[in-house]
């Protein structure tokens, strides 16, 4: 954990560091509330944005070097999580699939998200530094239902992306549909 915190201090701007530690705090709070391992939540939160501020040309180099799907080329928002997950495994020796998936899918979500994946996804969306239309409603929903809060956050993200004509990753659509099905199954 010390080495990732050293990386954060050396490589992330103050604004990005503040965000990362806001996600750490929120992820640990959500983990405690919903019965998730708090240490794993902290570790995933520390790693989640390690490449978020990396220039696109460097991210493109990683995409090619790590033989990733070309959909990540020229898309820092989508690429930073999957790259971080691969670097966690390669350079930090982290092999826990749940940790790797939480970091990999923290931006898009995916169908069949684990508890840790949902915790990190939501913590990234609602940490105290986030200020966008609807965030308070998502925070309120997080007090009573992790799935409902994740679903609401995804629906807002999808609307935002579609309104701007940006690329919407299929994992986000599949994640939303999966959470909707779970909600319907549980009578929500």
C-alpha atoms as a PDB file:
ATOM      1  CA  UNK A   1       0.000   0.000   0.000  1.00  0.00           C
ATOM      2  CA  UNK A   2       2.900   2.351   0.705  1.00  0.00           C
ATOM      3  CA  UNK A   3       4.161   2.091  -2.877  1.00  0.00           C
ATOM      4  CA  UNK A   4       0.799   3.109  -4.386  1.00  0.00           C
ATOM      5  CA  UNK A   5       0.573   6.030  -1.972  1.00  0.00           C
ATOM      6  CA  UNK A   6       4.091   7.094  -2.989  1.00  0.00           C
ATOM      7  CA  UNK A   7       3.010   6.844  -6.642  1.00  0.00           C
ATOM      8  CA  UNK A   8      -0.048   9.004  -5.894  1.00  0.00           C
ATOM      9  CA  UNK A   9       2.075  11.675  -4.183  1.00  0.00           C
ATOM     10  CA  UNK A  10       4.566  11.785  -7.045  1.00  0.00           C
ATOM     11  CA  UNK A  11       2.266  11.489 -10.053  1.00  0.00           C
ATOM     12  CA  UNK A  12      -1.152  12.940  -9.306  1.00  0.00           C
ATOM     13  CA  UNK A  13      -2.146  16.572  -9.071  1.00  0.00           C
ATOM     14  CA  UNK A  14      -3.449  17.889  -5.772  1.00  0.00           C
ATOM     15  CA  UNK A  15      -6.976  17.913  -7.197  1.00  0.00           C
ATOM     16  CA  UNK A  16      -6.691  14.277  -8.329  1.00  0.00           C
ATOM     17  CA  UNK A  17      -5.145  13.229  -4.989  1.00  0.00           C
ATOM     18  CA  UNK A  18      -8.028  14.883  -3.154  1.00  0.00           C
ATOM     19  CA  UNK A  19     -10.465  12.951  -5.349  1.00  0.00           C
ATOM     20  CA  UNK A  20      -8.649   9.648  -4.779  1.00  0.00           C
ATOM     21  CA  UNK A  21      -8.669  10.085  -1.006  1.00  0.00           C
ATOM     22  CA  UNK A  22     -12.321  11.151  -1.155  1.00  0.00           C
ATOM     23  CA  UNK A  23     -13.039   7.868  -2.958  1.00  0.00           C
ATOM     24  CA  UNK A  24     -11.005   5.974  -0.336  1.00  0.00           C
ATOM     25  CA  UNK A  25     -13.075   7.512   2.474  1.00  0.00           C
ATOM     26  CA  UNK A  26     -16.392   6.924   0.691  1.00  0.00           C
ATOM     27  CA  UNK A  27     -15.484   3.376  -0.376  1.00  0.00           C
ATOM     28  CA  UNK A  28     -14.558   2.422   3.183  1.00  0.00           C
ATOM     29  CA  UNK A  29     -17.798   3.938   4.481  1.00  0.00           C
ATOM     30  CA  UNK A  30     -19.885   2.063   1.885  1.00  0.00           C
ATOM     31  CA  UNK A  31     -17.897  -1.134   2.505  1.00  0.00           C
ATOM     32  CA  UNK A  32     -18.663  -0.954   6.216  1.00  0.00           C
ATOM     33  CA  UNK A  33     -22.319  -0.246   5.542  1.00  0.00           C
ATOM     34  CA  UNK A  34     -22.804  -3.074   3.037  1.00  0.00           C
ATOM     35  CA  UNK A  35     -20.501  -5.773   4.472  1.00  0.00           C
ATOM     36  CA  UNK A  36     -17.596  -5.471   2.062  1.00  0.00           C
ATOM     37  CA  UNK A  37     -13.924  -5.836   3.060  1.00  0.00           C
ATOM     38  CA  UNK A  38     -12.864  -2.296   4.019  1.00  0.00           C
ATOM     39  CA  UNK A  39      -9.157  -2.892   3.290  1.00  0.00           C
ATOM     40  CA  UNK A  40      -9.905  -4.177  -0.204  1.00  0.00           C
ATOM     41  CA  UNK A  41     -12.156  -1.175  -0.768  1.00  0.00           C
ATOM     42  CA  UNK A  42      -9.322   1.123   0.310  1.00  0.00           C
ATOM     43  CA  UNK A  43      -6.782  -0.591  -1.935  1.00  0.00           C
ATOM     44  CA  UNK A  44      -9.097  -0.521  -4.969  1.00  0.00           C
ATOM     45  CA  UNK A  45      -9.830   3.164  -4.338  1.00  0.00           C
ATOM     46  CA  UNK A  46      -6.125   4.015  -4.105  1.00  0.00           C
ATOM     47  CA  UNK A  47      -5.430   2.368  -7.472  1.00  0.00           C
ATOM     48  CA  UNK A  48      -8.570   3.372  -9.370  1.00  0.00           C
ATOM     49  CA  UNK A  49      -7.328   6.669 -10.878  1.00  0.00           C
ATOM     50  CA  UNK A  50      -3.589   6.092 -11.007  1.00  0.00           C
ATOM     51  CA  UNK A  51      -3.654   6.740 -14.777  1.00  0.00           C
ATOM     52  CA  UNK A  52      -6.546   9.226 -14.955  1.00  0.00           C
ATOM     53  CA  UNK A  53      -4.286  12.238 -15.472  1.00  0.00           C
ATOM     54  CA  UNK A  54      -1.920  10.460 -17.856  1.00  0.00           C
ATOM     55  CA  UNK A  55      -1.680  12.048 -21.329  1.00  0.00           C
ATOM     56  CA  UNK A  56      -3.625  10.235 -24.044  1.00  0.00           C
ATOM     57  CA  UNK A  57      -0.513   9.419 -26.094  1.00  0.00           C
ATOM     58  CA  UNK A  58       0.985   7.607 -23.075  1.00  0.00           C
ATOM     59  CA  UNK A  59      -2.299   5.770 -22.435  1.00  0.00           C
ATOM     60  CA  UNK A  60      -2.342   4.749 -26.117  1.00  0.00           C
ATOM     61  CA  UNK A  61       1.173   3.359 -25.676  1.00  0.00           C
ATOM     62  CA  UNK A  62      -0.056   1.264 -22.730  1.00  0.00           C
ATOM     63  CA  UNK A  63      -3.088   0.058 -24.707  1.00  0.00           C
ATOM     64  CA  UNK A  64      -0.789  -1.209 -27.449  1.00  0.00           C
ATOM     65  CA  UNK A  65       1.938  -2.516 -25.120  1.00  0.00           C
ATOM     66  CA  UNK A  66      -0.579  -4.393 -22.952  1.00  0.00           C
ATOM     67  CA  UNK A  67      -2.397  -5.685 -26.066  1.00  0.00           C
ATOM     68  CA  UNK A  68      -5.735  -4.203 -25.040  1.00  0.00           C
ATOM     69  CA  UNK A  69      -8.863  -3.692 -27.103  1.00  0.00           C
ATOM     70  CA  UNK A  70      -8.356  -0.765 -29.530  1.00  0.00           C
ATOM     71  CA  UNK A  71     -11.652   0.741 -28.260  1.00  0.00           C
ATOM     72  CA  UNK A  72      -9.498   2.242 -25.483  1.00  0.00           C
ATOM     73  CA  UNK A  73      -7.298   4.196 -27.904  1.00  0.00           C
ATOM     74  CA  UNK A  74      -7.751   7.965 -27.646  1.00  0.00           C
ATOM     75  CA  UNK A  75     -10.224   7.561 -24.774  1.00  0.00           C
ATOM     76  CA  UNK A  76      -8.641   8.417 -21.428  1.00  0.00           C
ATOM     77  CA  UNK A  77     -11.934   8.116 -19.579  1.00  0.00           C
ATOM     78  CA  UNK A  78     -12.379   4.491 -20.629  1.00  0.00           C
ATOM     79  CA  UNK A  79      -8.720   3.444 -20.741  1.00  0.00           C
ATOM     80  CA  UNK A  80      -7.440   4.546 -17.340  1.00  0.00           C
ATOM     81  CA  UNK A  81      -9.233   1.843 -15.300  1.00  0.00           C
ATOM     82  CA  UNK A  82      -8.342  -1.186 -17.431  1.00  0.00           C
ATOM     83  CA  UNK A  83      -4.742   0.023 -17.706  1.00  0.00           C
ATOM     84  CA  UNK A  84      -4.528   0.494 -13.926  1.00  0.00           C
ATOM     85  CA  UNK A  85      -5.835  -3.052 -13.380  1.00  0.00           C
ATOM     86  CA  UNK A  86      -3.186  -4.508 -15.699  1.00  0.00           C
ATOM     87  CA  UNK A  87      -0.420  -2.489 -14.029  1.00  0.00           C
ATOM     88  CA  UNK A  88      -1.661  -3.541 -10.573  1.00  0.00           C
ATOM     89  CA  UNK A  89      -1.152  -7.132 -11.610  1.00  0.00           C
ATOM     90  CA  UNK A  90       2.082  -6.685 -13.569  1.00  0.00           C
ATOM     91  CA  UNK A  91       3.964  -4.173 -11.420  1.00  0.00           C
ATOM     92  CA  UNK A  92       2.405  -4.546  -7.976  1.00  0.00           C
ATOM     93  CA  UNK A  93       1.797  -8.311  -7.975  1.00  0.00           C
ATOM     94  CA  UNK A  94      -1.900  -7.971  -7.124  1.00  0.00           C
ATOM     95  CA  UNK A  95      -3.740 -11.036  -8.399  1.00  0.00           C
ATOM     96  CA  UNK A  96      -7.063 -10.853  -6.535  1.00  0.00           C
ATOM     97  CA  UNK A  97      -9.616 -10.882  -9.388  1.00  0.00           C
ATOM     98  CA  UNK A  98     -12.149  -8.904  -7.332  1.00  0.00           C
ATOM     99  CA  UNK A  99      -9.673  -6.055  -6.753  1.00  0.00           C
ATOM    100  CA  UNK A 100      -8.577  -6.085 -10.378  1.00  0.00           C
ATOM    101  CA  UNK A 101     -12.169  -6.064 -11.651  1.00  0.00           C
ATOM    102  CA  UNK A 102     -13.195  -3.282  -9.266  1.00  0.00           C
ATOM    103  CA  UNK A 103     -10.459  -1.040 -10.685  1.00  0.00           C
ATOM    104  CA  UNK A 104     -10.960  -2.193 -14.275  1.00  0.00           C
ATOM    105  CA  UNK A 105     -14.711  -1.519 -14.298  1.00  0.00           C
ATOM    106  CA  UNK A 106     -14.952   1.470 -11.967  1.00  0.00           C
ATOM    107  CA  UNK A 107     -15.901   3.778 -14.851  1.00  0.00           C
ATOM    108  CA  UNK A 108     -18.190   1.568 -16.921  1.00  0.00           C
ATOM    109  CA  UNK A 109     -19.535  -1.003 -14.495  1.00  0.00           C
ATOM    110  CA  UNK A 110     -20.437  -4.402 -15.945  1.00  0.00           C
ATOM    111  CA  UNK A 111     -23.058  -7.113 -15.682  1.00  0.00           C
ATOM    112  CA  UNK A 112     -22.556  -9.275 -12.604  1.00  0.00           C
ATOM    113  CA  UNK A 113     -20.676  -6.681 -10.564  1.00  0.00           C
ATOM    114  CA  UNK A 114     -19.382  -7.915  -7.216  1.00  0.00           C
ATOM    115  CA  UNK A 115     -20.024  -6.074  -3.975  1.00  0.00           C
ATOM    116  CA  UNK A 116     -16.531  -4.523  -4.125  1.00  0.00           C
ATOM    117  CA  UNK A 117     -17.061  -3.440  -7.742  1.00  0.00           C
ATOM    118  CA  UNK A 118     -20.305  -1.686  -6.811  1.00  0.00           C
ATOM    119  CA  UNK A 119     -18.699  -0.037  -3.780  1.00  0.00           C
ATOM    120  CA  UNK A 120     -15.859   1.419  -5.859  1.00  0.00           C
ATOM    121  CA  UNK A 121     -18.120   2.398  -8.762  1.00  0.00           C
ATOM    122  CA  UNK A 122     -20.435   4.283  -6.437  1.00  0.00           C
ATOM    123  CA  UNK A 123     -17.687   5.774  -4.256  1.00  0.00           C
ATOM    124  CA  UNK A 124     -16.103   7.257  -7.376  1.00  0.00           C
ATOM    125  CA  UNK A 125     -19.441   8.813  -8.333  1.00  0.00           C
ATOM    126  CA  UNK A 126     -20.423  10.268  -4.944  1.00  0.00           C
ATOM    127  CA  UNK A 127     -17.227  11.098  -3.038  1.00  0.00           C
ATOM    128  CA  UNK A 128     -17.509  14.454  -1.215  1.00  0.00           C
ATOM    129  CA  UNK A 129     -15.683  16.419  -3.938  1.00  0.00           C
ATOM    130  CA  UNK A 130     -18.204  15.456  -6.617  1.00  0.00           C
ATOM    131  CA  UNK A 131     -20.598  18.233  -7.483  1.00  0.00           C
ATOM    132  CA  UNK A 132     -22.924  17.663 -10.419  1.00  0.00           C
ATOM    133  CA  UNK A 133     -26.685  17.715 -10.965  1.00  0.00           C
ATOM    134  CA  UNK A 134     -28.276  14.735  -9.192  1.00  0.00           C
ATOM    135  CA  UNK A 135     -25.320  13.714  -7.022  1.00  0.00           C
ATOM    136  CA  UNK A 136     -27.247  14.442  -3.815  1.00  0.00           C
ATOM    137  CA  UNK A 137     -30.044  12.122  -4.906  1.00  0.00           C
ATOM    138  CA  UNK A 138     -27.519   9.358  -5.605  1.00  0.00           C
ATOM    139  CA  UNK A 139     -25.873   9.949  -2.206  1.00  0.00           C
ATOM    140  CA  UNK A 140     -29.288   9.722  -0.517  1.00  0.00           C
ATOM    141  CA  UNK A 141     -30.098   6.498  -2.368  1.00  0.00           C
ATOM    142  CA  UNK A 142     -26.719   5.048  -1.290  1.00  0.00           C
ATOM    143  CA  UNK A 143     -27.866   5.281   2.317  1.00  0.00           C
ATOM    144  CA  UNK A 144     -30.467   2.567   1.759  1.00  0.00           C
ATOM    145  CA  UNK A 145     -29.538   0.557  -1.353  1.00  0.00           C
ATOM    146  CA  UNK A 146     -26.200   0.037  -3.034  1.00  0.00           C
ATOM    147  CA  UNK A 147     -27.815  -1.472  -6.145  1.00  0.00           C
ATOM    148  CA  UNK A 148     -30.388   1.301  -6.488  1.00  0.00           C
ATOM    149  CA  UNK A 149     -27.711   3.969  -6.085  1.00  0.00           C
ATOM    150  CA  UNK A 150     -25.473   2.288  -8.679  1.00  0.00           C
ATOM    151  CA  UNK A 151     -28.416   1.997 -11.069  1.00  0.00           C
ATOM    152  CA  UNK A 152     -29.351   5.651 -10.636  1.00  0.00           C
ATOM    153  CA  UNK A 153     -25.724   6.700 -11.169  1.00  0.00           C
ATOM    154  CA  UNK A 154     -25.474   4.579 -14.324  1.00  0.00           C
ATOM    155  CA  UNK A 155     -28.706   5.964 -15.716  1.00  0.00           C
ATOM    156  CA  UNK A 156     -27.456   9.517 -15.153  1.00  0.00           C
ATOM    157  CA  UNK A 157     -24.095   8.678 -16.761  1.00  0.00           C
ATOM    158  CA  UNK A 158     -25.743   7.080 -19.778  1.00  0.00           C
ATOM    159  CA  UNK A 159     -28.000  10.108 -20.262  1.00  0.00           C
ATOM    160  CA  UNK A 160     -25.008  12.475 -19.958  1.00  0.00           C
ATOM    161  CA  UNK A 161     -22.952  10.484 -22.483  1.00  0.00           C
ATOM    162  CA  UNK A 162     -25.801  10.142 -24.979  1.00  0.00           C
ATOM    163  CA  UNK A 163     -26.742  13.839 -24.769  1.00  0.00           C
ATOM    164  CA  UNK A 164     -23.180  14.756 -25.703  1.00  0.00           C
ATOM    165  CA  UNK A 165     -22.823  12.180 -28.460  1.00  0.00           C
ATOM    166  CA  UNK A 166     -19.897  10.477 -26.732  1.00  0.00           C
ATOM    167  CA  UNK A 167     -18.917   6.822 -26.980  1.00  0.00           C
ATOM    168  CA  UNK A 168     -20.973   4.696 -24.588  1.00  0.00           C
ATOM    169  CA  UNK A 169     -19.270   1.428 -23.664  1.00  0.00           C
ATOM    170  CA  UNK A 170     -21.489  -1.643 -23.899  1.00  0.00           C
ATOM    171  CA  UNK A 171     -20.424  -2.713 -20.385  1.00  0.00           C
ATOM    172  CA  UNK A 172     -22.363   0.237 -18.952  1.00  0.00           C
ATOM    173  CA  UNK A 173     -25.528  -0.766 -20.809  1.00  0.00           C
ATOM    174  CA  UNK A 174     -25.136  -4.372 -19.657  1.00  0.00           C
ATOM    175  CA  UNK A 175     -24.498  -3.253 -16.068  1.00  0.00           C
ATOM    176  CA  UNK A 176     -27.631  -1.123 -16.063  1.00  0.00           C
ATOM    177  CA  UNK A 177     -29.771  -3.937 -17.488  1.00  0.00           C
ATOM    178  CA  UNK A 178     -28.350  -6.410 -14.958  1.00  0.00           C
ATOM    179  CA  UNK A 179     -29.130  -4.096 -12.035  1.00  0.00           C
ATOM    180  CA  UNK A 180     -32.637  -3.459 -13.412  1.00  0.00           C
ATOM    181  CA  UNK A 181     -33.280  -7.212 -13.590  1.00  0.00           C
ATOM    182  CA  UNK A 182     -32.070  -7.675 -10.027  1.00  0.00           C
ATOM    183  CA  UNK A 183     -34.344  -4.864  -8.877  1.00  0.00           C
ATOM    184  CA  UNK A 184     -37.344  -6.374 -10.664  1.00  0.00           C
ATOM    185  CA  UNK A 185     -36.526  -9.806  -9.225  1.00  0.00           C
ATOM    186  CA  UNK A 186     -36.467  -8.286  -5.740  1.00  0.00           C
ATOM    187  CA  UNK A 187     -39.770  -6.525  -6.358  1.00  0.00           C
ATOM    188  CA  UNK A 188     -38.367  -3.013  -6.654  1.00  0.00           C
END
